[in-house]
Structure formats: C-alpha cells, structure tokens
Amino acid sequence: MAAAWPAGRASPAAGPPVLLRTLWLVTVAAGHWGAAASGAVGSEETPKCEDLRVGQYICKEPKINDATQEPVNCTNYTAHVQCFPAPNIICKDYSGNETHFTGNEVGFLKPISCRNVNGYSYKVAVALSLFLGWLGADRFYLGYPALGLLKFCTVGFCGIGSLIDFVLISMQIVGPSDGSSYIIDYYGTRLTRLSITNETFRKTQLYP
C-alpha cells in the first residue's frame, strides 16, 4: 500500500515534467524571436534605382530637336533621359526588377524640364527689335498687332518705345503673345525666372 504524499507539497513525479515543459516553451519562444530578428535583417529591401545617390549613376545628355532646340520627347514641359547605375550596383530598375548592373544597362529614366515653343525665334525677335523696332516689326512678329501698329504710326514712340522694347525683348521679359517660349539654343543663354514665396522659404532642403 502506497503512502500518501503530504498535503501542500508537489509530488516528486510531477516535478520533472513541469520543468521540462517550461524549458521547452522558453526554447521555442527564443527560436521564434531569433528567426524573426534574422529575417528582419536579411529582408532589407533593395532600393529603387531612381533613389541612388549622386555618383552612383550617370545619365545621358538629352537628344535635342534642331527645329525647337528642346528634347525630342518633351511632353507637358517634361522630358526623360536614360540613366545608367554604376557597375556592381544592385537596385530595382524602372520595371521593378532587381538587377545587378554592370554599367551598360538602363536603370531608370530621369525627368528633366523642357519648354513649350511655337516657332518664335529669339534671334529673329532681337534683330527685328534692333533694326526695325521703330516700325513695330518686333511687336508684329511676336503677335501684338495693336502695339505694332501704334509704334509704326508714332515711329516707335519717337524712338523711346523702340529702345524700351529692345531691352525687354533682349532680357526675355517680353515674349510671344501665345505664352510660349522663344526658340533658343539648348545650351545657349537662357533666362530662368525664380520666384520666392513663403512656401518656397519654408520648403525643406534635401541634400544627396
């Protein structure tokens, strides 16, 4: 006949299984945590090619249309040029495929700004203003017939109006009446207007 174990104390037979179950739970939990940590480290997302830093890629010069002096694929004031990541760079190309680049593959298309032109030449406008401005030829050419006729009738406002128009056209302040830009050599002397507002001042500066 087996003797009863005193009340209030755990049975020796029940001790080891409880301890083993506790150790097993701790081991399993630690394994899961370790696997999750290693998975987080190993699953670092490959960057997109367009997010590469300056010096990690090189872009081609845009192909210029001889007639418009703007990039041939200019649409809505934006054109795109091909960019090639440096050798041994791994990133996701414009198709979303992770690629190991050798320096000869296109990684992404970089947008560049371009202008809307409608056949008005800057050189022609300046020449007309200089030599025939007193007859209003410059204003007629740019699409301002009323001012052109007024200058013709007043001999360029006695020469004063012709001088003012020559300065304004030369500085590209006065342009075509339809709002388009002058046709100017793509790598020539272009005027870029910069406007500063409160929003511009508050904009965060991003550095590569």
Protein backbone atom coordinates (compact mmCIF):
# COMPACT_ATOMS: atom_id res chain seq x y z
CA MET A 1 0.00 0.00 0.00
CA ALA A 2 1.49 3.31 -1.13
CA ALA A 3 1.85 6.08 1.37
CA ALA A 4 0.08 9.36 0.63
CA TRP A 5 2.25 12.41 -0.11
CA PRO A 6 1.77 15.14 2.47
CA ALA A 7 -0.70 17.82 1.51
CA GLY A 8 0.73 21.19 0.40
CA ARG A 9 3.82 19.71 -1.30
CA ALA A 10 4.26 18.88 -5.01
CA SER A 11 4.74 15.24 -5.87
CA PRO A 12 8.27 14.27 -7.00
CA ALA A 13 6.79 12.56 -10.05
CA ALA A 14 5.10 15.80 -11.13
CA GLY A 15 8.22 17.96 -10.80
CA PRO A 16 10.38 16.99 -13.79
CA PRO A 17 7.63 17.13 -16.48
CA VAL A 18 6.63 20.67 -15.42
CA LEU A 19 10.24 21.82 -15.54
CA LEU A 20 10.79 20.22 -18.93
CA ARG A 21 7.65 21.82 -20.36
CA THR A 22 8.79 25.23 -19.10
CA LEU A 23 12.25 24.85 -20.65
CA TRP A 24 10.69 23.68 -23.93
CA LEU A 25 8.41 26.73 -24.09
CA VAL A 26 11.35 29.08 -23.43
CA THR A 27 13.44 27.36 -26.13
CA VAL A 28 10.64 27.55 -28.71
CA ALA A 29 9.95 31.22 -27.95
CA ALA A 30 13.63 32.10 -28.22
CA GLY A 31 13.83 30.28 -31.54
CA HIS A 32 10.89 32.22 -32.93
CA TRP A 33 12.36 35.54 -31.79
CA GLY A 34 15.74 34.69 -33.29
CA ALA A 35 14.17 33.70 -36.60
CA ALA A 36 12.15 36.92 -36.70
CA ALA A 37 15.23 39.02 -35.96
CA SER A 38 17.35 37.29 -38.60
CA GLY A 39 14.50 37.59 -41.09
CA ALA A 40 14.25 41.33 -40.46
CA VAL A 41 17.96 41.75 -41.05
CA GLY A 42 18.02 39.58 -44.15
CA SER A 43 14.91 41.07 -45.71
CA GLU A 44 16.28 44.62 -46.15
CA GLU A 45 14.50 45.97 -49.20
CA THR A 46 16.54 46.65 -52.32
CA PRO A 47 16.41 50.39 -53.16
CA LYS A 48 14.96 51.71 -56.38
CA CYS A 49 17.45 52.89 -58.96
CA GLU A 50 15.97 56.40 -59.00
CA ASP A 51 16.81 56.67 -55.29
CA LEU A 52 20.54 56.20 -55.87
CA ARG A 53 22.89 58.93 -54.69
CA VAL A 54 24.79 61.29 -56.94
CA GLY A 55 27.87 59.47 -58.22
CA GLN A 56 26.19 56.06 -58.24
CA TYR A 57 24.75 56.61 -61.71
CA ILE A 58 25.34 58.60 -64.88
CA CYS A 59 22.70 59.98 -67.26
CA LYS A 60 22.90 60.59 -70.98
CA GLU A 61 22.57 64.05 -72.45
CA PRO A 62 19.12 64.61 -74.00
CA LYS A 63 18.73 64.39 -77.74
CA ILE A 64 17.88 67.88 -78.98
CA ASN A 65 15.44 68.68 -81.79
CA ASP A 66 17.19 71.03 -84.22
CA ALA A 67 13.98 72.91 -85.03
CA THR A 68 12.75 73.53 -81.48
CA GLN A 69 16.06 73.29 -79.57
CA GLU A 70 14.24 71.21 -76.97
CA PRO A 71 14.50 67.49 -76.07
CA VAL A 72 12.79 65.35 -78.72
CA ASN A 73 10.50 63.63 -76.19
CA CYS A 74 9.33 66.82 -74.47
CA THR A 75 5.72 66.44 -73.28
CA ASN A 76 3.94 68.69 -70.78
CA TYR A 77 7.17 70.58 -70.00
CA THR A 78 8.94 67.32 -69.08
CA ALA A 79 11.36 65.07 -70.91
CA HIS A 80 13.21 61.92 -69.80
CA VAL A 81 16.80 60.82 -70.19
CA GLN A 82 18.29 57.37 -69.68
CA CYS A 83 20.40 56.82 -66.57
CA PHE A 84 22.88 54.00 -66.01
CA PRO A 85 23.77 52.80 -62.48
CA ALA A 86 27.46 52.28 -61.79
CA PRO A 87 28.97 48.77 -62.02
CA ASN A 88 28.20 46.38 -59.15
CA ILE A 89 25.18 48.44 -58.06
CA ILE A 90 22.10 46.38 -57.16
CA CYS A 91 18.75 48.17 -57.36
CA LYS A 92 15.28 47.88 -58.84
CA ASP A 93 15.06 49.21 -62.38
CA TYR A 94 12.14 51.14 -63.89
CA SER A 95 10.30 47.81 -64.44
CA GLY A 96 10.61 46.88 -60.77
CA ASN A 97 13.13 44.08 -61.39
CA GLU A 98 16.06 43.69 -59.00
CA THR A 99 19.17 43.84 -61.19
CA HIS A 100 22.90 43.62 -60.66
CA PHE A 101 24.20 46.32 -63.00
CA THR A 102 27.44 46.29 -64.98
CA GLY A 103 27.27 49.92 -66.10
CA ASN A 104 25.70 49.26 -69.50
CA GLU A 105 22.07 48.73 -68.52
CA VAL A 106 19.42 51.44 -68.19
CA GLY A 107 18.32 51.65 -64.57
CA PHE A 108 15.75 54.42 -64.70
CA LEU A 109 14.51 57.39 -66.69
CA LYS A 110 15.26 60.75 -65.10
CA PRO A 111 12.78 63.59 -65.74
CA ILE A 112 14.19 66.93 -66.89
CA SER A 113 12.36 70.18 -67.54
CA CYS A 114 11.77 71.47 -71.06
CA ARG A 115 9.88 74.41 -72.56
CA ASN A 116 6.93 74.88 -74.86
CA VAL A 117 7.93 76.61 -78.10
CA ASN A 118 5.77 77.63 -81.03
CA GLY A 119 8.14 78.82 -83.73
CA TYR A 120 9.21 82.19 -82.33
CA SER A 121 12.98 82.64 -82.63
CA TYR A 122 14.78 84.70 -80.03
CA LYS A 123 17.45 85.77 -82.51
CA VAL A 124 14.86 86.96 -85.04
CA ALA A 125 12.93 88.89 -82.39
CA VAL A 126 16.07 90.68 -81.17
CA ALA A 127 17.16 91.51 -84.73
CA LEU A 128 13.74 92.92 -85.64
CA SER A 129 13.66 94.98 -82.46
CA LEU A 130 17.14 96.37 -83.11
CA PHE A 131 16.79 97.27 -86.79
CA LEU A 132 13.03 97.60 -87.40
CA GLY A 133 11.71 98.28 -83.93
CA TRP A 134 10.81 101.86 -84.85
CA LEU A 135 8.35 100.37 -87.39
CA GLY A 136 6.84 97.97 -84.84
CA ALA A 137 8.13 94.88 -86.68
CA ASP A 138 9.13 93.19 -83.42
CA ARG A 139 5.66 93.55 -81.95
CA PHE A 140 4.03 92.30 -85.14
CA TYR A 141 6.34 89.28 -85.13
CA LEU A 142 5.56 88.40 -81.51
CA GLY A 143 1.81 88.65 -82.03
CA TYR A 144 1.00 92.12 -80.72
CA PRO A 145 -0.52 93.81 -83.83
CA ALA A 146 -2.10 96.71 -81.92
CA LEU A 147 1.19 97.77 -80.31
CA GLY A 148 2.98 97.17 -83.59
CA LEU A 149 0.62 99.48 -85.43
CA LEU A 150 0.92 102.11 -82.71
CA LYS A 151 4.71 102.01 -82.91
CA PHE A 152 4.54 102.24 -86.70
CA CYS A 153 2.33 105.34 -86.58
CA THR A 154 4.45 107.07 -83.91
CA VAL A 155 7.84 105.96 -85.25
CA GLY A 156 8.49 103.80 -82.24
CA PHE A 157 7.09 106.36 -79.82
CA CYS A 158 9.75 108.76 -81.10
CA GLY A 159 12.42 106.13 -80.54
CA ILE A 160 11.80 105.76 -76.80
CA GLY A 161 9.40 102.83 -77.23
CA SER A 162 11.78 101.10 -79.60
CA LEU A 163 14.61 101.33 -77.07
CA ILE A 164 12.41 100.03 -74.23
CA ASP A 165 11.16 97.12 -76.35
CA PHE A 166 14.70 96.21 -77.37
CA VAL A 167 15.74 95.98 -73.71
CA LEU A 168 12.65 93.98 -72.74
CA ILE A 169 12.99 91.53 -75.63
CA SER A 170 16.74 91.12 -75.12
CA MET A 171 16.17 90.27 -71.46
CA GLN A 172 13.40 87.82 -72.49
CA ILE A 173 10.89 89.72 -70.37
CA VAL A 174 8.60 90.26 -73.36
CA GLY A 175 7.87 87.01 -75.16
CA PRO A 176 5.40 85.65 -77.72
CA SER A 177 1.78 86.60 -77.17
CA ASP A 178 0.61 82.96 -77.02
CA GLY A 179 2.61 82.33 -73.85
CA SER A 180 5.15 80.05 -75.50
CA SER A 181 8.90 80.39 -75.08
CA TYR A 182 11.50 81.63 -77.51
CA ILE A 183 13.47 79.14 -79.57
CA ILE A 184 16.93 79.50 -78.07
CA ASP A 185 19.93 77.20 -78.40
CA TYR A 186 19.51 74.49 -75.78
CA TYR A 187 22.98 75.15 -74.41
CA GLY A 188 22.73 78.89 -75.08
CA THR A 189 21.96 81.87 -72.87
CA ARG A 190 18.53 81.22 -71.43
CA LEU A 191 16.77 83.25 -68.80
CA THR A 192 15.29 81.29 -65.91
CA ARG A 193 12.96 83.18 -63.62
CA LEU A 194 12.99 82.21 -59.95
CA SER A 195 10.11 83.27 -57.73
CA ILE A 196 10.42 83.27 -53.95
CA THR A 197 7.33 82.97 -51.78
CA ASN A 198 6.62 81.96 -48.19
CA GLU A 199 6.11 78.38 -49.36
CA THR A 200 9.49 78.44 -51.09
CA PHE A 201 11.15 79.71 -47.91
CA ARG A 202 9.56 77.00 -45.78
CA LYS A 203 10.35 74.17 -48.14
CA THR A 204 12.72 71.62 -46.63
CA GLN A 205 16.06 71.47 -48.40
CA LEU A 206 17.01 67.95 -49.45
CA TYR A 207 20.67 67.08 -49.91
CA PRO A 208 22.03 63.92 -51.55
